[in-house]
PDB file of N, CA and C in Angstrom:
ATOM      1  N   MET A   1       0.680  -1.205  -0.174  1.00  0.00           N
ATOM      2  CA  MET A   1       0.080  -0.136   0.063  1.00  0.00           C
ATOM      3  C   MET A   1       0.580   1.086   0.113  1.00  0.00           C
ATOM      4  N   VAL A   2       2.434   0.863   0.674  1.00  0.00           N
ATOM      5  CA  VAL A   2       2.753   2.175   0.533  1.00  0.00           C
ATOM      6  C   VAL A   2       3.143   2.754  -1.044  1.00  0.00           C
ATOM      7  N   GLU A   3       3.070   1.533  -1.912  1.00  0.00           N
ATOM      8  CA  GLU A   3       3.811   1.869  -3.385  1.00  0.00           C
ATOM      9  C   GLU A   3       2.652   3.049  -3.646  1.00  0.00           C
ATOM     10  N   GLY A   4       1.474   2.700  -4.081  1.00  0.00           N
ATOM     11  CA  GLY A   4       0.603   3.309  -4.593  1.00  0.00           C
ATOM     12  C   GLY A   4       0.639   5.098  -4.686  1.00  0.00           C
ATOM     13  N   PRO A   5       0.836   5.439  -3.077  1.00  0.00           N
ATOM     14  CA  PRO A   5       0.850   6.979  -3.458  1.00  0.00           C
ATOM     15  C   PRO A   5       2.011   7.330  -3.948  1.00  0.00           C
ATOM     16  N   GLN A   6       3.657   6.567  -3.623  1.00  0.00           N
ATOM     17  CA  GLN A   6       4.756   6.782  -4.410  1.00  0.00           C
ATOM     18  C   GLN A   6       4.752   6.640  -5.614  1.00  0.00           C
ATOM     19  N   THR A   7       3.795   5.794  -6.319  1.00  0.00           N
ATOM     20  CA  THR A   7       3.850   5.732  -8.040  1.00  0.00           C
ATOM     21  C   THR A   7       3.026   6.955  -8.271  1.00  0.00           C
ATOM     22  N   GLU A   8       1.853   7.279  -7.503  1.00  0.00           N
ATOM     23  CA  GLU A   8       1.504   8.775  -7.781  1.00  0.00           C
ATOM     24  C   GLU A   8       1.748   9.698  -8.011  1.00  0.00           C
ATOM     25  N   GLY A   9       2.836   9.886  -6.682  1.00  0.00           N
ATOM     26  CA  GLY A   9       3.622  10.982  -6.584  1.00  0.00           C
ATOM     27  C   GLY A   9       4.615  10.711  -7.765  1.00  0.00           C
ATOM     28  N   ASN A  10       5.223  10.444  -8.102  1.00  0.00           N
ATOM     29  CA  ASN A  10       6.245  10.167  -9.527  1.00  0.00           C
ATOM     30  C   ASN A  10       5.423  10.335 -10.475  1.00  0.00           C
ATOM     31  N   ALA A  11       4.481   9.735 -10.401  1.00  0.00           N
ATOM     32  CA  ALA A  11       3.854  10.520 -12.045  1.00  0.00           C
ATOM     33  C   ALA A  11       3.062  11.236 -11.862  1.00  0.00           C
ATOM     34  N   ALA A  12       2.772  11.917 -10.709  1.00  0.00           N
ATOM     35  CA  ALA A  12       2.489  13.676 -10.892  1.00  0.00           C
ATOM     36  C   ALA A  12       3.770  14.856 -11.340  1.00  0.00           C
ATOM     37  N   GLN A  13       4.958  14.140 -10.644  1.00  0.00           N
ATOM     38  CA  GLN A  13       6.260  14.670 -10.809  1.00  0.00           C
ATOM     39  C   GLN A  13       6.574  14.648 -12.483  1.00  0.00           C
ATOM     40  N   ASP A  14       6.463  13.488 -12.618  1.00  0.00           N
ATOM     41  CA  ASP A  14       6.340  13.058 -14.452  1.00  0.00           C
ATOM     42  C   ASP A  14       6.053  14.297 -14.881  1.00  0.00           C
ATOM     43  N   ARG A  15       4.614  14.402 -14.596  1.00  0.00           N
ATOM     44  CA  ARG A  15       3.744  14.945 -15.477  1.00  0.00           C
ATOM     45  C   ARG A  15       3.868  16.548 -15.491  1.00  0.00           C
ATOM     46  N   GLN A  16       4.466  16.893 -14.429  1.00  0.00           N
ATOM     47  CA  GLN A  16       5.533  18.459 -13.651  1.00  0.00           C
ATOM     48  C   GLN A  16       6.011  18.375 -14.629  1.00  0.00           C
ATOM     49  N   ALA A  17       7.163  17.470 -14.950  1.00  0.00           N
ATOM     50  CA  ALA A  17       8.049  17.796 -15.926  1.00  0.00           C
ATOM     51  C   ALA A  17       8.386  17.888 -17.050  1.00  0.00           C
ATOM     52  N   ALA A  18       7.192  17.058 -17.635  1.00  0.00           N
ATOM     53  CA  ALA A  18       6.528  17.289 -18.594  1.00  0.00           C
ATOM     54  C   ALA A  18       5.649  18.493 -19.666  1.00  0.00           C
ATOM     55  N   LEU A  19       5.375  18.555 -18.480  1.00  0.00           N
ATOM     56  CA  LEU A  19       4.785  20.275 -18.432  1.00  0.00           C
ATOM     57  C   LEU A  19       5.844  21.509 -18.511  1.00  0.00           C
ATOM     58  N   SER A  20       6.686  21.817 -18.130  1.00  0.00           N
ATOM     59  CA  SER A  20       7.834  22.254 -17.801  1.00  0.00           C
ATOM     60  C   SER A  20       8.830  22.051 -18.859  1.00  0.00           C
ATOM     61  N   ALA A  21       8.966  21.379 -19.495  1.00  0.00           N
ATOM     62  CA  ALA A  21       9.907  20.585 -20.602  1.00  0.00           C
ATOM     63  C   ALA A  21       8.619  21.665 -21.616  1.00  0.00           C
ATOM     64  N   ALA A  22       7.636  21.221 -22.044  1.00  0.00           N
ATOM     65  CA  ALA A  22       6.951  21.550 -22.828  1.00  0.00           C
ATOM     66  C   ALA A  22       6.711  23.183 -23.390  1.00  0.00           C
ATOM     67  N   GLU A  23       6.279  23.749 -21.759  1.00  0.00           N
ATOM     68  CA  GLU A  23       6.345  25.260 -21.641  1.00  0.00           C
ATOM     69  C   GLU A  23       7.855  25.897 -22.500  1.00  0.00           C
ATOM     70  N   LEU A  24       8.740  25.116 -21.837  1.00  0.00           N
ATOM     71  CA  LEU A  24      10.534  25.516 -22.565  1.00  0.00           C
ATOM     72  C   LEU A  24      10.950  25.301 -23.790  1.00  0.00           C
ATOM     73  N   ALA A  25       9.822  24.287 -24.343  1.00  0.00           N
ATOM     74  CA  ALA A  25      10.540  23.977 -26.001  1.00  0.00           C
ATOM     75  C   ALA A  25       9.323  25.362 -26.737  1.00  0.00           C
ATOM     76  N   THR A  26       8.401  25.579 -26.170  1.00  0.00           N
ATOM     77  CA  THR A  26       7.656  26.640 -26.481  1.00  0.00           C
ATOM     78  C   THR A  26       8.281  27.903 -27.013  1.00  0.00           C
ATOM     79  N   GLN A  27       9.182  28.450 -26.289  1.00  0.00           N
ATOM     80  CA  GLN A  27       9.488  29.518 -25.815  1.00  0.00           C
ATOM     81  C   GLN A  27      10.375  30.141 -27.382  1.00  0.00           C
ATOM     82  N   PRO A  28       9.867  31.702 -27.291  1.00  0.00           N
ATOM     83  CA  PRO A  28       9.736  32.110 -28.729  1.00  0.00           C
ATOM     84  C   PRO A  28      11.720  31.719 -29.346  1.00  0.00           C
ATOM     85  N   GLU A  29      12.267  31.952 -28.042  1.00  0.00           N
ATOM     86  CA  GLU A  29      14.028  31.623 -28.758  1.00  0.00           C
ATOM     87  C   GLU A  29      13.681  30.453 -29.096  1.00  0.00           C
ATOM     88  N   ASP A  30      13.238  29.208 -28.784  1.00  0.00           N
ATOM     89  CA  ASP A  30      13.650  28.194 -28.822  1.00  0.00           C
ATOM     90  C   ASP A  30      13.532  27.457 -29.926  1.00  0.00           C
ATOM     91  N   LEU A  31      12.170  28.521 -30.620  1.00  0.00           N
ATOM     92  CA  LEU A  31      11.179  28.239 -31.688  1.00  0.00           C
ATOM     93  C   LEU A  31      12.052  28.951 -33.268  1.00  0.00           C
ATOM     94  N   GLU A  32      12.905  29.835 -32.686  1.00  0.00           N
ATOM     95  CA  GLU A  32      13.556  30.315 -33.238  1.00  0.00           C
ATOM     96  C   GLU A  32      14.865  29.633 -33.594  1.00  0.00           C
ATOM     97  N   ARG A  33      15.698  29.099 -33.076  1.00  0.00           N
ATOM     98  CA  ARG A  33      16.718  28.149 -32.752  1.00  0.00           C
ATOM     99  C   ARG A  33      16.290  26.935 -33.803  1.00  0.00           C
ATOM    100  N   SER A  34      15.062  26.252 -33.687  1.00  0.00           N
ATOM    101  CA  SER A  34      14.328  25.227 -34.328  1.00  0.00           C
ATOM    102  C   SER A  34      14.195  25.527 -35.499  1.00  0.00           C
ATOM    103  N   ASP A  35      13.587  27.113 -35.786  1.00  0.00           N
ATOM    104  CA  ASP A  35      13.589  27.113 -37.272  1.00  0.00           C
ATOM    105  C   ASP A  35      15.360  27.339 -38.060  1.00  0.00           C
ATOM    106  N   LYS A  36      16.009  28.015 -37.115  1.00  0.00           N
ATOM    107  CA  LYS A  36      17.131  28.123 -38.090  1.00  0.00           C
ATOM    108  C   LYS A  36      17.949  26.614 -38.300  1.00  0.00           C
ATOM    109  N   ASP A  37      17.825  26.006 -37.318  1.00  0.00           N
ATOM    110  CA  ASP A  37      18.439  24.662 -37.239  1.00  0.00           C
ATOM    111  C   ASP A  37      17.694  23.846 -38.706  1.00  0.00           C
ATOM    112  N   GLU A  38      16.540  23.848 -38.659  1.00  0.00           N
ATOM    113  CA  GLU A  38      15.908  23.076 -39.623  1.00  0.00           C
ATOM    114  C   GLU A  38      16.230  23.956 -41.089  1.00  0.00           C
ATOM    115  N   GLU A  39      16.090  25.310 -41.332  1.00  0.00           N
ATOM    116  CA  GLU A  39      16.872  26.211 -42.445  1.00  0.00           C
ATOM    117  C   GLU A  39      18.402  25.756 -43.004  1.00  0.00           C
ATOM    118  N   LEU A  40      18.896  25.370 -41.529  1.00  0.00           N
ATOM    119  CA  LEU A  40      20.254  25.005 -41.514  1.00  0.00           C
ATOM    120  C   LEU A  40      21.137  23.616 -42.762  1.00  0.00           C
ATOM    121  N   ARG A  41      19.498  22.907 -42.123  1.00  0.00           N
ATOM    122  CA  ARG A  41      19.828  21.329 -43.091  1.00  0.00           C
ATOM    123  C   ARG A  41      19.359  21.435 -44.175  1.00  0.00           C
ATOM    124  N   TYR A  42      18.059  22.260 -44.656  1.00  0.00           N
ATOM    125  CA  TYR A  42      17.737  22.151 -45.688  1.00  0.00           C
ATOM    126  C   TYR A  42      19.130  22.926 -46.543  1.00  0.00           C
ATOM    127  N   ARG A  43      19.456  24.014 -46.077  1.00  0.00           N
ATOM    128  CA  ARG A  43      20.680  23.817 -47.341  1.00  0.00           C
ATOM    129  C   ARG A  43      21.502  23.520 -47.349  1.00  0.00           C
ATOM    130  N   GLN A  44      22.194  22.726 -46.428  1.00  0.00           N
ATOM    131  CA  GLN A  44      23.148  21.708 -46.336  1.00  0.00           C
ATOM    132  C   GLN A  44      22.823  20.451 -47.899  1.00  0.00           C
ATOM    133  N   ALA A  45      21.197  20.127 -47.439  1.00  0.00           N
ATOM    134  CA  ALA A  45      20.756  19.151 -48.183  1.00  0.00           C
ATOM    135  C   ALA A  45      20.320  19.597 -50.025  1.00  0.00           C
ATOM    136  N   THR A  46      20.020  20.873 -49.586  1.00  0.00           N
ATOM    137  CA  THR A  46      20.202  21.378 -51.205  1.00  0.00           C
ATOM    138  C   THR A  46      21.532  21.685 -51.902  1.00  0.00           C
ATOM    139  N   ARG A  47      22.717  22.357 -51.054  1.00  0.00           N
ATOM    140  CA  ARG A  47      23.768  22.362 -51.683  1.00  0.00           C
ATOM    141  C   ARG A  47      24.401  20.640 -51.921  1.00  0.00           C
ATOM    142  N   LYS A  48      24.611  19.790 -50.982  1.00  0.00           N
ATOM    143  CA  LYS A  48      24.344  18.454 -51.351  1.00  0.00           C
ATOM    144  C   LYS A  48      23.978  17.622 -52.764  1.00  0.00           C
ATOM    145  N   HIS A  49      22.650  17.951 -52.970  1.00  0.00           N
ATOM    146  CA  HIS A  49      22.060  17.568 -54.344  1.00  0.00           C
ATOM    147  C   HIS A  49      22.687  18.558 -55.413  1.00  0.00           C
ATOM    148  N   ARG A  50      22.687  19.671 -55.248  1.00  0.00           N
ATOM    149  CA  ARG A  50      22.944  20.701 -56.076  1.00  0.00           C
ATOM    150  C   ARG A  50      24.754  19.843 -56.347  1.00  0.00           C
ATOM    151  N   ASP A  51      25.697  19.217 -55.675  1.00  0.00           N
ATOM    152  CA  ASP A  51      26.822  18.709 -55.867  1.00  0.00           C
ATOM    153  C   ASP A  51      27.270  17.995 -56.934  1.00  0.00           C
ATOM    154  N   ASN A  52      26.066  16.938 -56.411  1.00  0.00           N
ATOM    155  CA  ASN A  52      25.942  15.953 -56.894  1.00  0.00           C
ATOM    156  C   ASN A  52      25.708  16.455 -58.714  1.00  0.00           C
ATOM    157  N   TYR A  53      24.258  16.887 -58.394  1.00  0.00           N
ATOM    158  CA  TYR A  53      24.213  17.064 -59.978  1.00  0.00           C
ATOM    159  C   TYR A  53      25.330  17.922 -60.827  1.00  0.00           C
ATOM    160  N   ALA A  54      26.167  18.869 -60.107  1.00  0.00           N
ATOM    161  CA  ALA A  54      27.032  20.023 -61.176  1.00  0.00           C
ATOM    162  C   ALA A  54      27.813  18.927 -61.499  1.00  0.00           C
ATOM    163  N   LYS A  55      28.407  17.613 -60.568  1.00  0.00           N
ATOM    164  CA  LYS A  55      29.405  16.079 -60.908  1.00  0.00           C
ATOM    165  C   LYS A  55      28.938  15.547 -62.003  1.00  0.00           C
ATOM    166  N   TRP A  56      27.398  15.241 -61.908  1.00  0.00           N
ATOM    167  CA  TRP A  56      27.063  14.354 -62.689  1.00  0.00           C
ATOM    168  C   TRP A  56      27.650  14.897 -64.436  1.00  0.00           C
ATOM    169  N   LEU A  57      26.526  16.265 -64.209  1.00  0.00           N
ATOM    170  CA  LEU A  57      26.361  17.099 -65.927  1.00  0.00           C
ATOM    171  C   LEU A  57      27.938  17.355 -65.789  1.00  0.00           C
ATOM    172  N   LEU A  58      28.591  17.859 -65.764  1.00  0.00           N
ATOM    173  CA  LEU A  58      29.931  17.699 -65.916  1.00  0.00           C
ATOM    174  C   LEU A  58      30.937  16.793 -66.323  1.00  0.00           C
ATOM    175  N   GLY A  59      30.302  15.544 -66.031  1.00  0.00           N
ATOM    176  CA  GLY A  59      31.244  14.162 -65.864  1.00  0.00           C
ATOM    177  C   GLY A  59      30.331  14.080 -67.082  1.00  0.00           C
ATOM    178  N   LEU A  60      29.035  14.263 -67.661  1.00  0.00           N
ATOM    179  CA  LEU A  60      28.698  13.995 -68.901  1.00  0.00           C
ATOM    180  C   LEU A  60      29.077  14.801 -70.254  1.00  0.00           C
ATOM    181  N   LEU A  61      29.172  16.489 -69.988  1.00  0.00           N
ATOM    182  CA  LEU A  61      29.864  17.298 -70.709  1.00  0.00           C
ATOM    183  C   LEU A  61      31.556  16.785 -70.853  1.00  0.00           C
ATOM    184  N   VAL A  62      31.835  16.830 -70.035  1.00  0.00           N
ATOM    185  CA  VAL A  62      33.579  15.581 -70.344  1.00  0.00           C
ATOM    186  C   VAL A  62      33.172  14.812 -71.192  1.00  0.00           C
ATOM    187  N   GLY A  63      32.316  14.291 -71.416  1.00  0.00           N
ATOM    188  CA  GLY A  63      32.403  12.565 -72.030  1.00  0.00           C
ATOM    189  C   GLY A  63      31.478  13.437 -73.339  1.00  0.00           C
ATOM    190  N   GLN A  64      31.026  13.814 -73.655  1.00  0.00           N
ATOM    191  CA  GLN A  64      30.182  14.354 -74.873  1.00  0.00           C
ATOM    192  C   GLN A  64      31.295  14.767 -75.852  1.00  0.00           C
ATOM    193  N   VAL A  65      32.377  15.761 -75.274  1.00  0.00           N
ATOM    194  CA  VAL A  65      33.463  16.769 -75.807  1.00  0.00           C
ATOM    195  C   VAL A  65      34.209  15.048 -75.897  1.00  0.00           C
ATOM    196  N   VAL A  66      34.920  14.403 -75.129  1.00  0.00           N
ATOM    197  CA  VAL A  66      36.263  13.242 -75.743  1.00  0.00           C
ATOM    198  C   VAL A  66      35.075  12.546 -76.711  1.00  0.00           C
ATOM    199  N   VAL A  67      33.764  11.947 -77.037  1.00  0.00           N
ATOM    200  CA  VAL A  67      33.583  11.940 -78.229  1.00  0.00           C
ATOM    201  C   VAL A  67      33.324  12.437 -79.458  1.00  0.00           C
ATOM    202  N   THR A  68      33.069  13.856 -78.972  1.00  0.00           N
ATOM    203  CA  THR A  68      33.001  14.336 -80.237  1.00  0.00           C
ATOM    204  C   THR A  68      34.825  14.691 -80.709  1.00  0.00           C
ATOM    205  N   ASN A  69      36.043  14.790 -79.872  1.00  0.00           N
ATOM    206  CA  ASN A  69      37.189  14.640 -79.966  1.00  0.00           C
ATOM    207  C   ASN A  69      37.313  13.430 -80.722  1.00  0.00           C
ATOM    208  N   ALA A  70      36.977  11.849 -80.319  1.00  0.00           N
ATOM    209  CA  ALA A  70      36.922  10.966 -80.681  1.00  0.00           C
ATOM    210  C   ALA A  70      37.329  11.281 -82.125  1.00  0.00           C
ATOM    211  N   VAL A  71      35.229  11.251 -82.847  1.00  0.00           N
ATOM    212  CA  VAL A  71      34.916  11.153 -84.320  1.00  0.00           C
ATOM    213  C   VAL A  71      35.777  12.374 -84.911  1.00  0.00           C
ATOM    214  N   PHE A  72      36.536  13.250 -84.333  1.00  0.00           N
ATOM    215  CA  PHE A  72      37.362  13.852 -84.966  1.00  0.00           C
ATOM    216  C   PHE A  72      38.275  13.345 -85.563  1.00  0.00           C
ATOM    217  N   VAL A  73      39.248  12.645 -84.357  1.00  0.00           N
ATOM    218  CA  VAL A  73      40.566  11.939 -85.145  1.00  0.00           C
ATOM    219  C   VAL A  73      40.479  10.825 -85.332  1.00  0.00           C
ATOM    220  N   LEU A  74      39.079   9.989 -85.464  1.00  0.00           N
ATOM    221  CA  LEU A  74      38.996   8.951 -85.786  1.00  0.00           C
ATOM    222  C   LEU A  74      38.859   9.305 -87.752  1.00  0.00           C
ATOM    223  N   ASP A  75      37.808  10.070 -87.978  1.00  0.00           N
ATOM    224  CA  ASP A  75      37.270  10.887 -89.057  1.00  0.00           C
ATOM    225  C   ASP A  75      39.032  10.941 -90.125  1.00  0.00           C
ATOM    226  N   GLY A  76      39.687  11.033 -89.169  1.00  0.00           N
ATOM    227  CA  GLY A  76      41.409  12.619 -89.223  1.00  0.00           C
ATOM    228  C   GLY A  76      41.872  11.539 -89.662  1.00  0.00           C
ATOM    229  N   PHE A  77      42.009  10.416 -89.835  1.00  0.00           N
ATOM    230  CA  PHE A  77      43.237   9.203 -89.690  1.00  0.00           C
ATOM    231  C   PHE A  77      42.397   7.815 -90.754  1.00  0.00           C
ATOM    232  N   HIS A  78      41.153   8.536 -91.074  1.00  0.00           N
ATOM    233  CA  HIS A  78      40.474   7.315 -92.413  1.00  0.00           C
ATOM    234  C   HIS A  78      39.865   5.741 -91.372  1.00  0.00           C
ATOM    235  N   VAL A  79      39.670   6.208 -89.746  1.00  0.00           N
ATOM    236  CA  VAL A  79      39.742   5.260 -89.675  1.00  0.00           C
ATOM    237  C   VAL A  79      37.791   4.810 -89.581  1.00  0.00           C
ATOM    238  N   MET A  80      36.963   6.356 -89.824  1.00  0.00           N
ATOM    239  CA  MET A  80      35.835   6.540 -89.916  1.00  0.00           C
ATOM    240  C   MET A  80      35.518   7.249 -91.214  1.00  0.00           C
ATOM    241  N   TYR A  81      34.253   7.734 -91.873  1.00  0.00           N
ATOM    242  CA  TYR A  81      33.880   8.196 -93.088  1.00  0.00           C
ATOM    243  C   TYR A  81      33.006   9.103 -92.749  1.00  0.00           C
ATOM    244  N   PHE A  82      33.301  10.341 -92.546  1.00  0.00           N
ATOM    245  CA  PHE A  82      32.024  10.964 -92.668  1.00  0.00           C
ATOM    246  C   PHE A  82      32.006  11.860 -93.810  1.00  0.00           C
ATOM    247  N   ASP A  83      31.164  12.321 -94.050  1.00  0.00           N
ATOM    248  CA  ASP A  83      30.586  13.603 -95.452  1.00  0.00           C
ATOM    249  C   ASP A  83      31.094  15.457 -94.127  1.00  0.00           C
ATOM    250  N   PRO A  84      32.183  16.296 -95.447  1.00  0.00           N
ATOM    251  CA  PRO A  84      32.889  17.225 -94.115  1.00  0.00           C
ATOM    252  C   PRO A  84      31.233  17.734 -94.143  1.00  0.00           C
ATOM    253  N   VAL A  85      30.002  17.787 -94.335  1.00  0.00           N
ATOM    254  CA  VAL A  85      28.949  18.670 -94.098  1.00  0.00           C
ATOM    255  C   VAL A  85      28.388  18.245 -92.847  1.00  0.00           C
ATOM    256  N   THR A  86      28.714  16.540 -92.601  1.00  0.00           N
ATOM    257  CA  THR A  86      27.984  16.203 -91.507  1.00  0.00           C
ATOM    258  C   THR A  86      29.058  16.656 -89.898  1.00  0.00           C
ATOM    259  N   LEU A  87      29.980  16.175 -90.573  1.00  0.00           N
ATOM    260  CA  LEU A  87      30.648  16.558 -89.060  1.00  0.00           C
ATOM    261  C   LEU A  87      30.900  18.551 -88.836  1.00  0.00           C
ATOM    262  N   ARG A  88      30.304  18.988 -89.785  1.00  0.00           N
ATOM    263  CA  ARG A  88      29.855  20.587 -89.234  1.00  0.00           C
ATOM    264  C   ARG A  88      28.815  20.551 -88.571  1.00  0.00           C
ATOM    265  N   ILE A  89      27.927  19.743 -89.267  1.00  0.00           N
ATOM    266  CA  ILE A  89      26.795  20.134 -88.264  1.00  0.00           C
ATOM    267  C   ILE A  89      26.772  19.548 -86.654  1.00  0.00           C
ATOM    268  N   PHE A  90      27.157  18.135 -86.867  1.00  0.00           N
ATOM    269  CA  PHE A  90      28.233  17.341 -85.858  1.00  0.00           C
ATOM    270  C   PHE A  90      28.588  18.300 -84.758  1.00  0.00           C
ATOM    271  N   VAL A  91      29.683  19.121 -84.910  1.00  0.00           N
ATOM    272  CA  VAL A  91      30.569  20.073 -84.290  1.00  0.00           C
ATOM    273  C   VAL A  91      29.505  21.099 -84.051  1.00  0.00           C
ATOM    274  N   GLY A  92      28.939  22.023 -84.808  1.00  0.00           N
ATOM    275  CA  GLY A  92      27.935  22.845 -84.403  1.00  0.00           C
ATOM    276  C   GLY A  92      26.537  22.517 -83.106  1.00  0.00           C
ATOM    277  N   ALA A  93      25.993  21.168 -83.524  1.00  0.00           N
ATOM    278  CA  ALA A  93      25.008  20.894 -82.234  1.00  0.00           C
ATOM    279  C   ALA A  93      25.761  20.661 -81.184  1.00  0.00           C
ATOM    280  N   THR A  94      26.849  19.850 -81.294  1.00  0.00           N
ATOM    281  CA  THR A  94      27.926  19.387 -80.441  1.00  0.00           C
ATOM    282  C   THR A  94      28.457  21.007 -79.390  1.00  0.00           C
ATOM    283  N   ILE A  95      28.886  21.882 -79.347  1.00  0.00           N
ATOM    284  CA  ILE A  95      28.798  23.449 -79.053  1.00  0.00           C
ATOM    285  C   ILE A  95      27.750  24.067 -78.925  1.00  0.00           C
ATOM    286  N   GLY A  96      27.192  24.165 -79.363  1.00  0.00           N
ATOM    287  CA  GLY A  96      25.248  24.012 -78.806  1.00  0.00           C
ATOM    288  C   GLY A  96      25.078  23.978 -77.753  1.00  0.00           C
ATOM    289  N   GLU A  97      24.643  22.355 -77.560  1.00  0.00           N
ATOM    290  CA  GLU A  97      24.573  21.888 -77.067  1.00  0.00           C
ATOM    291  C   GLU A  97      25.488  21.975 -75.826  1.00  0.00           C
ATOM    292  N   ILE A  98      26.631  21.803 -75.655  1.00  0.00           N
ATOM    293  CA  ILE A  98      27.667  21.953 -74.324  1.00  0.00           C
ATOM    294  C   ILE A  98      26.962  23.831 -73.862  1.00  0.00           C
ATOM    295  N   VAL A  99      26.996  24.781 -74.767  1.00  0.00           N
ATOM    296  CA  VAL A  99      26.692  26.111 -74.302  1.00  0.00           C
ATOM    297  C   VAL A  99      25.257  26.137 -73.285  1.00  0.00           C
ATOM    298  N   ALA A 100      24.615  25.718 -74.353  1.00  0.00           N
ATOM    299  CA  ALA A 100      23.406  25.750 -73.447  1.00  0.00           C
ATOM    300  C   ALA A 100      23.177  24.742 -72.059  1.00  0.00           C
ATOM    301  N   LEU A 101      23.752  23.391 -72.164  1.00  0.00           N
ATOM    302  CA  LEU A 101      23.759  22.589 -70.886  1.00  0.00           C
ATOM    303  C   LEU A 101      24.454  23.864 -69.428  1.00  0.00           C
ATOM    304  N   VAL A 102      25.230  24.145 -70.264  1.00  0.00           N
ATOM    305  CA  VAL A 102      26.484  25.252 -69.425  1.00  0.00           C
ATOM    306  C   VAL A 102      25.172  26.635 -68.442  1.00  0.00           C
ATOM    307  N   MET A 103      24.796  26.889 -69.293  1.00  0.00           N
ATOM    308  CA  MET A 103      23.864  27.863 -69.627  1.00  0.00           C
ATOM    309  C   MET A 103      22.741  27.569 -67.788  1.00  0.00           C
ATOM    310  N   ILE A 104      21.885  26.322 -68.691  1.00  0.00           N
ATOM    311  CA  ILE A 104      21.042  25.854 -67.323  1.00  0.00           C
ATOM    312  C   ILE A 104      21.861  25.325 -65.976  1.00  0.00           C
ATOM    313  N   ILE A 105      23.070  24.893 -66.259  1.00  0.00           N
ATOM    314  CA  ILE A 105      23.506  24.651 -64.993  1.00  0.00           C
ATOM    315  C   ILE A 105      23.949  25.641 -64.183  1.00  0.00           C
ATOM    316  N   VAL A 106      24.134  27.148 -65.045  1.00  0.00           N
ATOM    317  CA  VAL A 106      24.695  27.862 -64.074  1.00  0.00           C
ATOM    318  C   VAL A 106      23.441  28.965 -63.192  1.00  0.00           C
ATOM    319  N   ARG A 107      22.451  28.792 -64.292  1.00  0.00           N
ATOM    320  CA  ARG A 107      21.548  29.628 -64.570  1.00  0.00           C
ATOM    321  C   ARG A 107      20.429  28.947 -62.667  1.00  0.00           C
ATOM    322  N   HIS A 108      20.698  27.710 -63.258  1.00  0.00           N
ATOM    323  CA  HIS A 108      19.474  27.039 -62.281  1.00  0.00           C
ATOM    324  C   HIS A 108      20.089  26.268 -60.860  1.00  0.00           C
ATOM    325  N   LEU A 109      20.917  25.572 -61.427  1.00  0.00           N
ATOM    326  CA  LEU A 109      22.102  25.419 -59.775  1.00  0.00           C
ATOM    327  C   LEU A 109      22.571  26.343 -58.912  1.00  0.00           C
ATOM    328  N   PHE A 110      23.307  27.480 -59.547  1.00  0.00           N
ATOM    329  CA  PHE A 110      23.890  28.425 -58.658  1.00  0.00           C
ATOM    330  C   PHE A 110      22.775  29.814 -59.161  1.00  0.00           C
ATOM    331  N   PRO A 111      21.701  30.108 -58.073  1.00  0.00           N
ATOM    332  CA  PRO A 111      20.936  31.254 -58.869  1.00  0.00           C
ATOM    333  C   PRO A 111      22.041  32.315 -58.161  1.00  0.00           C
ATOM    334  N   LEU A 112      21.991  33.469 -58.631  1.00  0.00           N
ATOM    335  CA  LEU A 112      22.437  34.316 -57.643  1.00  0.00           C
ATOM    336  C   LEU A 112      21.477  35.187 -56.775  1.00  0.00           C
ATOM    337  N   ARG A 113      20.706  34.839 -56.271  1.00  0.00           N
ATOM    338  CA  ARG A 113      19.133  35.525 -55.451  1.00  0.00           C
ATOM    339  C   ARG A 113      19.038  33.772 -54.745  1.00  0.00           C
ATOM    340  N   LYS A 114      18.015  34.681 -53.647  1.00  0.00           N
ATOM    341  CA  LYS A 114      17.726  33.678 -52.864  1.00  0.00           C
ATOM    342  C   LYS A 114      16.420  33.328 -53.496  1.00  0.00           C
ATOM    343  N   ASP A 115      15.631  31.998 -53.653  1.00  0.00           N
ATOM    344  CA  ASP A 115      14.282  32.021 -53.771  1.00  0.00           C
ATOM    345  C   ASP A 115      13.410  31.692 -52.590  1.00  0.00           C
TER     346      ASP A 115
END
């Protein structure tokens, strides 16, 4: 019988401690700190994703330049034969695509202002 009141007393103390903790957690400075921490985590995740996208796109661009150069070298050594007009169109399209992708990367992955 002695354990009953002590258990209820402990439960009341636990409830009081929980209420005090809830009150402290809802203080304006704690909410501001929580918002800042959440914003920091969001920025870090966004930076990590942008890093990954930039690395992949840069790798693809380098691969495209390597393939374009390989086509020219193979055509120059007469291993592959392409019409000169076809090569000019191929190079023009490749350069245009590279410039467009770089513009997209710079504009959307690394904006000048906050969104």
